[in-house]
Structure formats: C-alpha cells, structure tokens
Amino acid sequence: MSWGILAYPLDPAQPSIPQAEQFSPWSLDGGRKIVFTSLPHVASDAVTKLRVLIAPVTAERDRWQAQA
C-alpha cells in the first residue's frame, strides 16, 4: 500500500471545503491512495493540518509492518 498527498494553497475566498478534499482519500489501483488537501497560508497551521492527515497513514503503515 502506498499513499500520496496533493496539497494546494487554501483559497480564503472559498470558505467551503473543495469537493476533491471532501472525498479524500481517493483510491487508486494496487491499494494506492491519494489525499487532496488545501493548506493554510500560515506555516504553523499548515504543519498542524499535515500532521493530522499523516497520523492515520503512519498508524496503518505500522499495522502492515507488524503483520509482515
């Protein structure tokens, strides 16, 4: 299984969550997944959002490694 993130800048003029982000993660063939996300312009806020996104991926990776 592999994961990817497509991050793009948050548009403050568009307060709603973009549709691509609402339906994340998107599944691809071979068990691959990709997450679409918009990131705030303030670096510390962007880091916080990325950490929240990466935490479940890391937990899933750890479960996979434990089973191997």
C-alpha atoms as a PDB file:
ATOM      1  CA  MET A   1       0.000   0.000   0.000  1.00  0.00           C
ATOM      2  CA  SER A   2       1.227   3.490  -0.731  1.00  0.00           C
ATOM      3  CA  TRP A   3      -0.095   6.967  -0.029  1.00  0.00           C
ATOM      4  CA  GLY A   4       0.382  10.378  -1.586  1.00  0.00           C
ATOM      5  CA  ILE A   5      -0.796  13.866  -0.756  1.00  0.00           C
ATOM      6  CA  LEU A   6      -1.676  16.576  -3.244  1.00  0.00           C
ATOM      7  CA  ALA A   7      -1.575  19.825  -1.295  1.00  0.00           C
ATOM      8  CA  TYR A   8      -2.540  23.208  -2.633  1.00  0.00           C
ATOM      9  CA  PRO A   9      -2.991  26.646  -1.019  1.00  0.00           C
ATOM     10  CA  LEU A  10      -6.224  27.384   0.791  1.00  0.00           C
ATOM     11  CA  ASP A  11      -8.327  29.979  -1.004  1.00  0.00           C
ATOM     12  CA  PRO A  12      -9.780  32.259   1.698  1.00  0.00           C
ATOM     13  CA  ALA A  13     -12.412  33.458  -0.810  1.00  0.00           C
ATOM     14  CA  GLN A  14     -13.780  29.896  -0.965  1.00  0.00           C
ATOM     15  CA  PRO A  15     -14.807  29.045   2.621  1.00  0.00           C
ATOM     16  CA  SER A  16     -16.298  25.651   1.724  1.00  0.00           C
ATOM     17  CA  ILE A  17     -14.184  22.501   1.608  1.00  0.00           C
ATOM     18  CA  PRO A  18     -13.341  21.643  -2.021  1.00  0.00           C
ATOM     19  CA  GLN A  19     -15.070  18.528  -3.361  1.00  0.00           C
ATOM     20  CA  ALA A  20     -11.775  16.727  -4.024  1.00  0.00           C
ATOM     21  CA  GLU A  21     -10.825  17.199  -0.375  1.00  0.00           C
ATOM     22  CA  GLN A  22     -14.259  16.101   0.875  1.00  0.00           C
ATOM     23  CA  PHE A  23     -13.923  12.738  -0.876  1.00  0.00           C
ATOM     24  CA  SER A  24     -10.332  12.069   0.236  1.00  0.00           C
ATOM     25  CA  PRO A  25      -8.622   9.724   0.310  1.00  0.00           C
ATOM     26  CA  TRP A  26      -9.071   8.675  -3.286  1.00  0.00           C
ATOM     27  CA  SER A  27      -8.277   5.031  -4.034  1.00  0.00           C
ATOM     28  CA  LEU A  28      -6.128   4.057  -6.989  1.00  0.00           C
ATOM     29  CA  ASP A  29      -5.227   0.632  -8.327  1.00  0.00           C
ATOM     30  CA  GLY A  30      -2.885  -1.591  -6.352  1.00  0.00           C
ATOM     31  CA  GLY A  31      -4.086  -0.300  -2.965  1.00  0.00           C
ATOM     32  CA  ARG A  32      -2.618   3.137  -3.539  1.00  0.00           C
ATOM     33  CA  LYS A  33      -4.406   6.155  -2.105  1.00  0.00           C
ATOM     34  CA  ILE A  34      -4.072   9.872  -2.574  1.00  0.00           C
ATOM     35  CA  VAL A  35      -5.289  12.630  -0.295  1.00  0.00           C
ATOM     36  CA  PHE A  36      -6.240  16.032  -1.670  1.00  0.00           C
ATOM     37  CA  THR A  37      -5.970  18.876   0.815  1.00  0.00           C
ATOM     38  CA  SER A  38      -5.785  22.628   0.920  1.00  0.00           C
ATOM     39  CA  LEU A  39      -3.217  24.114   3.276  1.00  0.00           C
ATOM     40  CA  PRO A  40      -3.496  27.372   5.188  1.00  0.00           C
ATOM     41  CA  HIS A  41      -1.026  30.125   4.353  1.00  0.00           C
ATOM     42  CA  VAL A  42       0.247  30.304   7.950  1.00  0.00           C
ATOM     43  CA  ALA A  43       3.060  27.748   8.167  1.00  0.00           C
ATOM     44  CA  SER A  44       2.250  26.513  11.685  1.00  0.00           C
ATOM     45  CA  ASP A  45      -1.392  25.922  10.693  1.00  0.00           C
ATOM     46  CA  ALA A  46      -0.295  24.053   7.568  1.00  0.00           C
ATOM     47  CA  VAL A  47       2.047  21.844   9.612  1.00  0.00           C
ATOM     48  CA  THR A  48      -0.756  21.046  12.066  1.00  0.00           C
ATOM     49  CA  LYS A  49      -3.103  20.061   9.236  1.00  0.00           C
ATOM     50  CA  LEU A  50      -0.445  17.857   7.606  1.00  0.00           C
ATOM     51  CA  ARG A  51       0.271  16.110  10.909  1.00  0.00           C
ATOM     52  CA  VAL A  52      -3.426  15.310  11.321  1.00  0.00           C
ATOM     53  CA  LEU A  53      -3.518  13.901   7.781  1.00  0.00           C
ATOM     54  CA  ILE A  54      -0.359  11.822   8.165  1.00  0.00           C
ATOM     55  CA  ALA A  55      -1.161  10.287  11.571  1.00  0.00           C
ATOM     56  CA  PRO A  56      -3.665   7.670  10.263  1.00  0.00           C
ATOM     57  CA  VAL A  57      -1.352   6.791   7.367  1.00  0.00           C
ATOM     58  CA  THR A  58       1.515   6.189   9.784  1.00  0.00           C
ATOM     59  CA  ALA A  59      -0.697   4.042  12.019  1.00  0.00           C
ATOM     60  CA  GLU A  60      -1.806   1.969   9.013  1.00  0.00           C
ATOM     61  CA  ARG A  61       1.805   1.526   7.905  1.00  0.00           C
ATOM     62  CA  ASP A  62       2.759   0.339  11.387  1.00  0.00           C
ATOM     63  CA  ARG A  63      -0.075  -2.233  11.360  1.00  0.00           C
ATOM     64  CA  TRP A  64       1.091  -3.501   7.970  1.00  0.00           C
ATOM     65  CA  GLN A  65       4.681  -3.851   9.154  1.00  0.00           C
ATOM     66  CA  ALA A  66       3.581  -5.700  12.274  1.00  0.00           C
ATOM     67  CA  GLN A  67       1.711  -8.239  10.126  1.00  0.00           C
ATOM     68  CA  ALA A  68       4.682  -8.829   7.798  1.00  0.00           C
END
